[in-house]
């Protein structure tokens, strides 16, 4: 995948009010020019970057489902992130904790700008899991003519109170870190971020997943430690590649997800989606239970539903590549 940066030099209006004085969007493509290749657009999840060959390497690459030799693959880093697109640590007029609220709808408007820049009139296949699914379903509802085929994995049409509650707990942990200052150190809040990531992981996985991978090897153990060290490791791992200000801002953006806002409600918005759609739920996902995929599949005209099995909960959208690949091949002849 090739890295690019698109610079938008006009004010970028924000749904919640105000604007950004211009915008930089970091994005990756599978080749320099689209040519006659079908367009596959991948929307990434909360803390991922714009190179899906790094975080979805079992599905994106030469000879894989999303073949980089066959398709014009595009993935854009979202506003507020710290991987090259405008965010809290790179926007001098409103840095760190003062960065404005960026909604999911703002993210899709940025995708639209990039589409126009790349000369893409129609996306042949749009796919996203988790927060990437938020972007995908919002985009399909907001501009139905842009999307031909749509795949929504482990996601929902509107943020649930459960999802918001888990994120607020994480934000409380970040704000409790005294180094999380709103205007000074861009590397502040890292202890809070580590705690937030540890919290998040318990919603990304589940009971079965932890029992399978983090059980103690010594049957006579006095104090369980394997899961403890795993949680600490995952917290520090995120801190090494992300910052607390981007994480805080992006989670606030998740709370804005509601495709029915201003469109007469969720069901009416779903009914307006014209793309051929597949919704994939994961049977062990406690963050986005299968009922969320059922609601979307029931509401989108002609949509199909597949439920895959996994011991790894929500993270199954990253790990169960064979099942996901088989589901997509079953429903879309583009592959």
Foldseek 3Di string as FASTA:
>chain_A
DDKDKDKAQPWQAAPVGDTARIKIKIKDWLDDAQPPAAEEEEEEDQQDARDVCVQQVQAEDPPHVNHSVRHTYMGIGFDQFDHTIHHQCRRVVQHFQRDDAHALLSRLVVVVVVCVVNVQQAHAEYEYEASRLLNQLLNLLVCQRRYAAYEYELYFQAADPVLLVLLVVLVVLQVVQVQRDRPDDQQGSLRSQLVSQLSVQPQQFDDLVCCVPQDDPDPPDPDRPRSVVVSNVRSVVCSVPGHPRSSNSSSSNNNNRHSCVVPPHRLSSLCSRDHAYEYEYECQRPNRHCVRSVVSQVRHPNYYYHYHYDNTHSCCVSVVSVVVSVVCVVRDVSD
